[in-house]
Amino acid sequence: MHILEDGTKLPAIMGVNHEGEHGDMVASVAGSWAAVLLYRGDW
């Protein structure tokens, strides 16, 4: 596992936004604070 140090950029995380558009989640919030909610489905 690679640990990110202060100031290190996150790697690209591809996903689907709330409008159904595919893209890089990290790039879409660059320069802003963000919260990412993950849903694993039924436990």
N, C-alpha and C. Protein backbone atom coordinates (compact mmCIF):
# COMPACT_ATOMS: atom_id res chain seq x y z
N MET A 1 0.85 -1.16 0.00
CA MET A 1 0.00 0.00 0.00
C MET A 1 0.90 1.23 0.00
N HIS A 2 0.58 2.19 -0.83
CA HIS A 2 1.33 3.44 -0.92
C HIS A 2 0.66 4.49 -0.03
N ILE A 3 1.44 5.10 0.87
CA ILE A 3 0.91 6.13 1.75
C ILE A 3 1.18 7.49 1.13
N LEU A 4 0.15 8.32 1.07
CA LEU A 4 0.29 9.67 0.52
C LEU A 4 0.88 10.60 1.57
N GLU A 5 1.86 11.36 1.20
CA GLU A 5 2.46 12.36 2.08
C GLU A 5 1.74 13.69 1.87
N ASP A 6 1.97 14.66 2.76
CA ASP A 6 1.36 15.99 2.61
C ASP A 6 1.72 16.59 1.26
N GLY A 7 0.74 17.11 0.57
CA GLY A 7 0.97 17.75 -0.72
C GLY A 7 1.00 16.81 -1.90
N THR A 8 0.91 15.50 -1.67
CA THR A 8 0.92 14.52 -2.76
C THR A 8 -0.45 14.51 -3.43
N LYS A 9 -0.45 14.48 -4.76
CA LYS A 9 -1.72 14.43 -5.50
C LYS A 9 -2.28 13.02 -5.48
N LEU A 10 -3.58 12.92 -5.36
CA LEU A 10 -4.25 11.62 -5.43
C LEU A 10 -4.18 11.08 -6.85
N PRO A 11 -4.10 9.77 -7.00
CA PRO A 11 -4.16 9.20 -8.35
C PRO A 11 -5.58 9.35 -8.91
N ALA A 12 -5.72 9.22 -10.20
CA ALA A 12 -7.04 9.32 -10.84
C ALA A 12 -7.96 8.23 -10.31
N ILE A 13 -9.17 8.62 -9.98
CA ILE A 13 -10.20 7.67 -9.54
C ILE A 13 -11.39 7.85 -10.48
N MET A 14 -11.59 6.89 -11.35
CA MET A 14 -12.66 6.99 -12.33
C MET A 14 -13.97 6.56 -11.68
N GLY A 15 -15.04 7.26 -12.01
CA GLY A 15 -16.33 6.94 -11.44
C GLY A 15 -17.46 7.58 -12.23
N VAL A 16 -18.66 7.48 -11.68
CA VAL A 16 -19.86 8.04 -12.30
C VAL A 16 -20.45 9.03 -11.32
N ASN A 17 -20.72 10.26 -11.79
CA ASN A 17 -21.30 11.27 -10.90
C ASN A 17 -22.81 11.10 -10.79
N HIS A 18 -23.45 12.00 -10.02
CA HIS A 18 -24.89 11.90 -9.79
C HIS A 18 -25.73 12.13 -11.04
N GLU A 19 -25.11 12.66 -12.10
CA GLU A 19 -25.83 12.87 -13.36
C GLU A 19 -25.59 11.73 -14.34
N GLY A 20 -24.83 10.71 -13.93
CA GLY A 20 -24.56 9.56 -14.78
C GLY A 20 -23.39 9.74 -15.74
N GLU A 21 -22.63 10.84 -15.57
CA GLU A 21 -21.49 11.09 -16.45
C GLU A 21 -20.24 10.43 -15.88
N HIS A 22 -19.45 9.79 -16.75
CA HIS A 22 -18.22 9.15 -16.33
C HIS A 22 -17.09 10.16 -16.34
N GLY A 23 -16.16 10.02 -15.39
CA GLY A 23 -15.02 10.93 -15.37
C GLY A 23 -14.12 10.67 -14.17
N ASP A 24 -13.08 11.47 -14.07
CA ASP A 24 -12.11 11.38 -12.98
C ASP A 24 -12.64 12.20 -11.80
N MET A 25 -12.95 11.53 -10.70
CA MET A 25 -13.51 12.22 -9.54
C MET A 25 -12.50 13.17 -8.91
N VAL A 26 -11.23 12.81 -8.92
CA VAL A 26 -10.21 13.66 -8.32
C VAL A 26 -10.07 14.97 -9.11
N ALA A 27 -10.02 14.88 -10.43
CA ALA A 27 -9.88 16.08 -11.26
C ALA A 27 -11.11 16.99 -11.16
N SER A 28 -12.28 16.42 -10.95
CA SER A 28 -13.50 17.24 -10.92
C SER A 28 -13.60 18.09 -9.66
N VAL A 29 -12.86 17.77 -8.61
CA VAL A 29 -12.89 18.56 -7.38
C VAL A 29 -11.53 19.18 -7.06
N ALA A 30 -10.64 19.24 -8.02
CA ALA A 30 -9.29 19.78 -7.81
C ALA A 30 -9.37 21.21 -7.26
N GLY A 31 -8.65 21.46 -6.18
CA GLY A 31 -8.62 22.78 -5.58
C GLY A 31 -9.75 23.05 -4.61
N SER A 32 -10.60 22.07 -4.36
CA SER A 32 -11.74 22.23 -3.45
C SER A 32 -11.77 21.08 -2.45
N TRP A 33 -12.45 21.30 -1.35
CA TRP A 33 -12.70 20.22 -0.41
C TRP A 33 -13.82 19.34 -0.98
N ALA A 34 -13.78 18.06 -0.70
CA ALA A 34 -14.81 17.16 -1.20
C ALA A 34 -14.99 15.97 -0.26
N ALA A 35 -16.18 15.42 -0.27
CA ALA A 35 -16.46 14.18 0.46
C ALA A 35 -16.92 13.15 -0.56
N VAL A 36 -16.37 11.97 -0.48
CA VAL A 36 -16.74 10.90 -1.41
C VAL A 36 -17.48 9.83 -0.62
N LEU A 37 -18.71 9.54 -1.02
CA LEU A 37 -19.51 8.51 -0.39
C LEU A 37 -19.47 7.25 -1.24
N LEU A 38 -19.13 6.15 -0.62
CA LEU A 38 -19.06 4.87 -1.32
C LEU A 38 -20.18 3.96 -0.84
N TYR A 39 -20.82 3.31 -1.77
CA TYR A 39 -21.90 2.38 -1.45
C TYR A 39 -21.51 1.00 -1.93
N ARG A 40 -21.37 0.05 -1.02
CA ARG A 40 -20.97 -1.30 -1.38
C ARG A 40 -22.14 -2.19 -1.74
N GLY A 41 -23.31 -1.73 -1.55
CA GLY A 41 -24.48 -2.57 -1.81
C GLY A 41 -24.91 -3.30 -0.56
N ASP A 42 -25.61 -4.39 -0.73
CA ASP A 42 -26.14 -5.17 0.38
C ASP A 42 -25.02 -5.91 1.09
N TRP A 43 -24.96 -5.81 2.41
CA TRP A 43 -23.94 -6.53 3.19
C TRP A 43 -24.46 -7.91 3.37
